[in-house]
Each structure stands twice: as C-alpha cells, then as structure tokens.
Amino acid sequence: AFEEQVQLLSNHELDLINCWEPATKEANNILGPNTVMYAFTVEGYYKWGHGAYMHTKALERDNVDNIYKMLNYYMTGEYRAYQADQRGYAGPNMDLGIKFAEENGWAQEKIDNLKWTEKKVNKKFEKPFFGKPAAPNASAMEEEWQRFLNA
C-alpha cells in the first residue's frame, strides 16, 4: 500500500522498492529533496497509462459532452502541470504543463521541478527495453518472489 511504501522509504527500512512515483515524492517531502531517488532500470518497466474510453451506456445517460470535456482536460497543460507537481508523474505532453505553469505565474522552483520531471521521464523512455511486459528472466524472478511469500 502507498502508506507502507512511504513508511518503509522514510524510515530507511529498505534500499530498494518497486513502487509508484508518488511514494518516492512523499518520502522526499518527509526526508528532504532527492533523499529518495527514482531509479532507472536496465530491463523492463511496468506498462501503464490512461486507458481513456467512453462506455456506450453514456449515450443513454445524455452526458457525452461532459465525458468528452473531462477526457479532453486530461490532455491539457493544466492537468499535466498539476499531476506532475502533486504526484511526480509526467506524460506525453509535459511541455504543455511547463507552458501552463509559466503562463500562470507558478513559482520558478515549481517550474524547475516540472522541467526535471520531464527530463526524468524522457530518460525512462530512452531505455531500449522500456515497456517490456516481462523481463527475459521473469520466471526466475517470479519463482523467487513466491519463495519469499511462502517463507
């Protein structure tokens, strides 16, 4: 759970954890900037992203315009800026988030953090195996994980 991840990181109970970006951001809020580092792997990342779609039942509820309004908002610079600022996430249109922050008078420190987030995610996307659903040695990793769980 998120709370456990933050606790383990902030109490220095472990050196490495597979977790979402917000846990590292929250641990750094507790410990100080860049105390917890989000590592870059050599092979494999978990795939994730928005699966934005609209169910056909939305037509029956007569709220299609509102749904499109929300889906379109997810593509704006405002959404990207707030998501990166609050959670540490970046997305495919991070440049719009930075532009939004600059045009709306955000503090330079926040703008710099958005730029750092963009740089961090661009580095992830440069990895040759980014998005592999499973590493070549995934079966060995799963076997060890099961051994750990059963210990």
C-alpha atoms as a PDB file:
ATOM      1  CA  ALA A   1       0.000   0.000   0.000  1.00  0.00           C
ATOM      2  CA  PHE A   2       1.046   3.579  -0.583  1.00  0.00           C
ATOM      3  CA  GLU A   3       1.323   4.368   3.133  1.00  0.00           C
ATOM      4  CA  GLU A   4       3.551   1.338   3.740  1.00  0.00           C
ATOM      5  CA  GLN A   5       5.814   2.281   0.854  1.00  0.00           C
ATOM      6  CA  VAL A   6       6.259   5.792   2.212  1.00  0.00           C
ATOM      7  CA  GLN A   7       6.897   4.468   5.725  1.00  0.00           C
ATOM      8  CA  LEU A   8       9.491   1.939   4.550  1.00  0.00           C
ATOM      9  CA  LEU A   9      11.284   4.572   2.489  1.00  0.00           C
ATOM     10  CA  SER A  10      11.184   7.341   5.085  1.00  0.00           C
ATOM     11  CA  ASN A  11      12.279   5.022   7.923  1.00  0.00           C
ATOM     12  CA  HIS A  12      15.220   3.781   5.838  1.00  0.00           C
ATOM     13  CA  GLU A  13      13.974   0.210   6.297  1.00  0.00           C
ATOM     14  CA  LEU A  14      14.943  -0.717   2.752  1.00  0.00           C
ATOM     15  CA  ASP A  15      17.226   0.373  -0.037  1.00  0.00           C
ATOM     16  CA  LEU A  16      15.076  -0.616  -2.986  1.00  0.00           C
ATOM     17  CA  ILE A  17      11.345  -0.890  -3.614  1.00  0.00           C
ATOM     18  CA  ASN A  18       9.115  -1.304  -6.636  1.00  0.00           C
ATOM     19  CA  CYS A  19       6.575   1.464  -6.200  1.00  0.00           C
ATOM     20  CA  TRP A  20       4.744   4.261  -7.925  1.00  0.00           C
ATOM     21  CA  GLU A  21       6.274   7.700  -8.235  1.00  0.00           C
ATOM     22  CA  PRO A  22       4.027   9.377  -5.616  1.00  0.00           C
ATOM     23  CA  ALA A  23       5.562   7.224  -2.862  1.00  0.00           C
ATOM     24  CA  THR A  24       9.058   8.489  -3.661  1.00  0.00           C
ATOM     25  CA  LYS A  25       7.760  12.057  -3.854  1.00  0.00           C
ATOM     26  CA  GLU A  26       6.033  11.772  -0.469  1.00  0.00           C
ATOM     27  CA  ALA A  27       9.121  10.208   1.129  1.00  0.00           C
ATOM     28  CA  ASN A  28      11.166  13.142  -0.171  1.00  0.00           C
ATOM     29  CA  ASN A  29       8.607  15.530   1.337  1.00  0.00           C
ATOM     30  CA  ILE A  30       9.375  13.897   4.687  1.00  0.00           C
ATOM     31  CA  LEU A  31      13.142  13.403   4.335  1.00  0.00           C
ATOM     32  CA  GLY A  32      14.140  16.310   2.130  1.00  0.00           C
ATOM     33  CA  PRO A  33      14.653  16.776  -1.605  1.00  0.00           C
ATOM     34  CA  ASN A  34      16.375  13.977  -3.524  1.00  0.00           C
ATOM     35  CA  THR A  35      16.852  11.771  -0.469  1.00  0.00           C
ATOM     36  CA  VAL A  36      14.907   9.008  -2.200  1.00  0.00           C
ATOM     37  CA  MET A  37      15.862   8.525  -5.826  1.00  0.00           C
ATOM     38  CA  TYR A  38      13.622   7.093  -8.526  1.00  0.00           C
ATOM     39  CA  ALA A  39      15.921   4.584 -10.229  1.00  0.00           C
ATOM     40  CA  PHE A  40      16.236   3.776 -13.908  1.00  0.00           C
ATOM     41  CA  THR A  41      16.227   0.083 -14.712  1.00  0.00           C
ATOM     42  CA  VAL A  42      18.288  -1.785 -17.272  1.00  0.00           C
ATOM     43  CA  GLU A  43      15.482  -4.078 -18.404  1.00  0.00           C
ATOM     44  CA  GLY A  44      11.759  -3.763 -18.255  1.00  0.00           C
ATOM     45  CA  TYR A  45       9.247  -1.399 -16.743  1.00  0.00           C
ATOM     46  CA  TYR A  46       5.643  -1.954 -15.854  1.00  0.00           C
ATOM     47  CA  LYS A  47       3.417  -0.694 -18.618  1.00  0.00           C
ATOM     48  CA  TRP A  48       0.820   1.808 -17.512  1.00  0.00           C
ATOM     49  CA  GLY A  49      -1.085   4.740 -18.830  1.00  0.00           C
ATOM     50  CA  HIS A  50      -4.507   6.169 -19.385  1.00  0.00           C
ATOM     51  CA  GLY A  51      -6.999   3.832 -20.958  1.00  0.00           C
ATOM     52  CA  ALA A  52      -9.367   6.647 -21.820  1.00  0.00           C
ATOM     53  CA  TYR A  53     -12.609   5.436 -23.310  1.00  0.00           C
ATOM     54  CA  MET A  54     -16.317   6.066 -23.120  1.00  0.00           C
ATOM     55  CA  HIS A  55     -18.843   3.318 -22.435  1.00  0.00           C
ATOM     56  CA  THR A  56     -21.765   3.054 -24.842  1.00  0.00           C
ATOM     57  CA  LYS A  57     -24.177   3.435 -21.913  1.00  0.00           C
ATOM     58  CA  ALA A  58     -23.020   7.058 -21.664  1.00  0.00           C
ATOM     59  CA  LEU A  59     -25.159   7.798 -24.704  1.00  0.00           C
ATOM     60  CA  GLU A  60     -28.236   6.691 -22.770  1.00  0.00           C
ATOM     61  CA  ARG A  61     -27.394   8.968 -19.842  1.00  0.00           C
ATOM     62  CA  ASP A  62     -27.037  12.016 -22.071  1.00  0.00           C
ATOM     63  CA  ASN A  63     -23.717  13.093 -20.572  1.00  0.00           C
ATOM     64  CA  VAL A  64     -21.405  12.511 -23.535  1.00  0.00           C
ATOM     65  CA  ASP A  65     -20.394  16.172 -23.712  1.00  0.00           C
ATOM     66  CA  ASN A  66     -19.301  16.138 -20.063  1.00  0.00           C
ATOM     67  CA  ILE A  67     -17.327  12.959 -20.586  1.00  0.00           C
ATOM     68  CA  TYR A  68     -15.516  14.426 -23.588  1.00  0.00           C
ATOM     69  CA  LYS A  69     -14.876  17.591 -21.609  1.00  0.00           C
ATOM     70  CA  MET A  70     -13.136  15.540 -18.910  1.00  0.00           C
ATOM     71  CA  LEU A  71     -11.191  13.371 -21.360  1.00  0.00           C
ATOM     72  CA  ASN A  72     -10.025  16.488 -23.200  1.00  0.00           C
ATOM     73  CA  TYR A  73      -8.970  18.062 -19.896  1.00  0.00           C
ATOM     74  CA  TYR A  74      -6.567  15.161 -19.347  1.00  0.00           C
ATOM     75  CA  MET A  75      -4.685  16.329 -22.438  1.00  0.00           C
ATOM     76  CA  THR A  76      -4.267  19.926 -21.284  1.00  0.00           C
ATOM     77  CA  GLY A  77      -1.250  21.625 -19.833  1.00  0.00           C
ATOM     78  CA  GLU A  78      -3.173  22.429 -16.655  1.00  0.00           C
ATOM     79  CA  TYR A  79      -3.823  18.763 -15.875  1.00  0.00           C
ATOM     80  CA  ARG A  80      -0.268  17.774 -16.756  1.00  0.00           C
ATOM     81  CA  ALA A  81       1.237  20.540 -14.603  1.00  0.00           C
ATOM     82  CA  TYR A  82      -0.844  19.703 -11.537  1.00  0.00           C
ATOM     83  CA  GLN A  83      -0.304  15.958 -11.918  1.00  0.00           C
ATOM     84  CA  ALA A  84       3.456  16.396 -12.187  1.00  0.00           C
ATOM     85  CA  ASP A  85       3.573  18.905  -9.335  1.00  0.00           C
ATOM     86  CA  GLN A  86       1.442  16.912  -6.919  1.00  0.00           C
ATOM     87  CA  ARG A  87       2.388  13.342  -7.845  1.00  0.00           C
ATOM     88  CA  GLY A  88       5.652  13.493  -9.768  1.00  0.00           C
ATOM     89  CA  TYR A  89       4.087  11.993 -12.885  1.00  0.00           C
ATOM     90  CA  ALA A  90       4.803  13.232 -16.360  1.00  0.00           C
ATOM     91  CA  GLY A  91       3.112  12.448 -19.608  1.00  0.00           C
ATOM     92  CA  PRO A  92       3.426  12.737 -23.355  1.00  0.00           C
ATOM     93  CA  ASN A  93       2.585  16.451 -23.339  1.00  0.00           C
ATOM     94  CA  MET A  94       4.740  17.609 -20.452  1.00  0.00           C
ATOM     95  CA  ASP A  95       5.757  20.648 -22.493  1.00  0.00           C
ATOM     96  CA  LEU A  96       2.162  21.882 -22.203  1.00  0.00           C
ATOM     97  CA  GLY A  97       2.363  21.523 -18.423  1.00  0.00           C
ATOM     98  CA  ILE A  98       5.518  23.608 -18.262  1.00  0.00           C
ATOM     99  CA  LYS A  99       3.978  26.217 -20.560  1.00  0.00           C
ATOM    100  CA  PHE A 100       0.834  26.330 -18.389  1.00  0.00           C
ATOM    101  CA  ALA A 101       2.898  26.861 -15.235  1.00  0.00           C
ATOM    102  CA  GLU A 102       4.963  29.626 -16.843  1.00  0.00           C
ATOM    103  CA  GLU A 103       1.909  31.421 -18.240  1.00  0.00           C
ATOM    104  CA  ASN A 104       0.028  31.206 -14.943  1.00  0.00           C
ATOM    105  CA  GLY A 105       2.704  32.634 -12.680  1.00  0.00           C
ATOM    106  CA  TRP A 106       3.856  29.485 -10.909  1.00  0.00           C
ATOM    107  CA  ALA A 107       6.932  29.871  -8.725  1.00  0.00           C
ATOM    108  CA  GLN A 108      10.208  29.255 -10.563  1.00  0.00           C
ATOM    109  CA  GLU A 109      11.001  26.369  -8.201  1.00  0.00           C
ATOM    110  CA  LYS A 110       7.811  24.573  -9.270  1.00  0.00           C
ATOM    111  CA  ILE A 111       8.550  25.225 -12.935  1.00  0.00           C
ATOM    112  CA  ASP A 112      12.060  23.848 -12.471  1.00  0.00           C
ATOM    113  CA  ASN A 113      10.578  20.751 -10.817  1.00  0.00           C
ATOM    114  CA  LEU A 114       8.252  20.269 -13.796  1.00  0.00           C
ATOM    115  CA  LYS A 115      11.236  20.511 -16.136  1.00  0.00           C
ATOM    116  CA  TRP A 116      13.125  17.975 -14.021  1.00  0.00           C
ATOM    117  CA  THR A 117      10.116  15.636 -14.134  1.00  0.00           C
ATOM    118  CA  GLU A 118      10.013  15.945 -17.925  1.00  0.00           C
ATOM    119  CA  LYS A 119      13.735  15.201 -18.134  1.00  0.00           C
ATOM    120  CA  LYS A 120      13.375  12.190 -15.814  1.00  0.00           C
ATOM    121  CA  VAL A 121      10.570  10.650 -17.846  1.00  0.00           C
ATOM    122  CA  ASN A 122      12.332  11.341 -21.147  1.00  0.00           C
ATOM    123  CA  LYS A 123      15.298   9.421 -19.749  1.00  0.00           C
ATOM    124  CA  LYS A 124      12.999   6.493 -18.948  1.00  0.00           C
ATOM    125  CA  PHE A 125      11.620   6.472 -22.479  1.00  0.00           C
ATOM    126  CA  GLU A 126      15.156   6.346 -23.905  1.00  0.00           C
ATOM    127  CA  LYS A 127      15.772   2.917 -22.370  1.00  0.00           C
ATOM    128  CA  PRO A 128      15.932   0.196 -25.023  1.00  0.00           C
ATOM    129  CA  PHE A 129      13.543  -2.135 -23.237  1.00  0.00           C
ATOM    130  CA  PHE A 130      11.010   0.377 -21.991  1.00  0.00           C
ATOM    131  CA  GLY A 131       7.561  -1.113 -21.781  1.00  0.00           C
ATOM    132  CA  LYS A 132       8.529  -4.750 -21.987  1.00  0.00           C
ATOM    133  CA  PRO A 133       5.723  -6.635 -20.293  1.00  0.00           C
ATOM    134  CA  ALA A 134       8.167  -9.083 -18.719  1.00  0.00           C
ATOM    135  CA  ALA A 135      11.922  -9.299 -18.407  1.00  0.00           C
ATOM    136  CA  PRO A 136      13.648 -12.316 -20.022  1.00  0.00           C
ATOM    137  CA  ASN A 137      14.257 -13.756 -16.561  1.00  0.00           C
ATOM    138  CA  ALA A 138      10.734 -13.060 -15.293  1.00  0.00           C
ATOM    139  CA  SER A 139      10.036 -16.703 -14.464  1.00  0.00           C
ATOM    140  CA  ALA A 140      13.085 -16.852 -12.170  1.00  0.00           C
ATOM    141  CA  MET A 141      12.034 -13.588 -10.539  1.00  0.00           C
ATOM    142  CA  GLU A 142       8.503 -14.903 -10.012  1.00  0.00           C
ATOM    143  CA  GLU A 143       9.862 -18.135  -8.533  1.00  0.00           C
ATOM    144  CA  GLU A 144      11.963 -16.185  -6.034  1.00  0.00           C
ATOM    145  CA  TRP A 145       9.013 -13.934  -5.212  1.00  0.00           C
ATOM    146  CA  GLN A 146       6.832 -16.957  -4.466  1.00  0.00           C
ATOM    147  CA  ARG A 147       9.618 -18.428  -2.325  1.00  0.00           C
ATOM    148  CA  PHE A 148       9.747 -15.157  -0.386  1.00  0.00           C
ATOM    149  CA  LEU A 149       5.971 -15.088   0.091  1.00  0.00           C
ATOM    150  CA  ASN A 150       5.950 -18.660   1.358  1.00  0.00           C
ATOM    151  CA  ALA A 151       8.858 -18.180   3.774  1.00  0.00           C
END
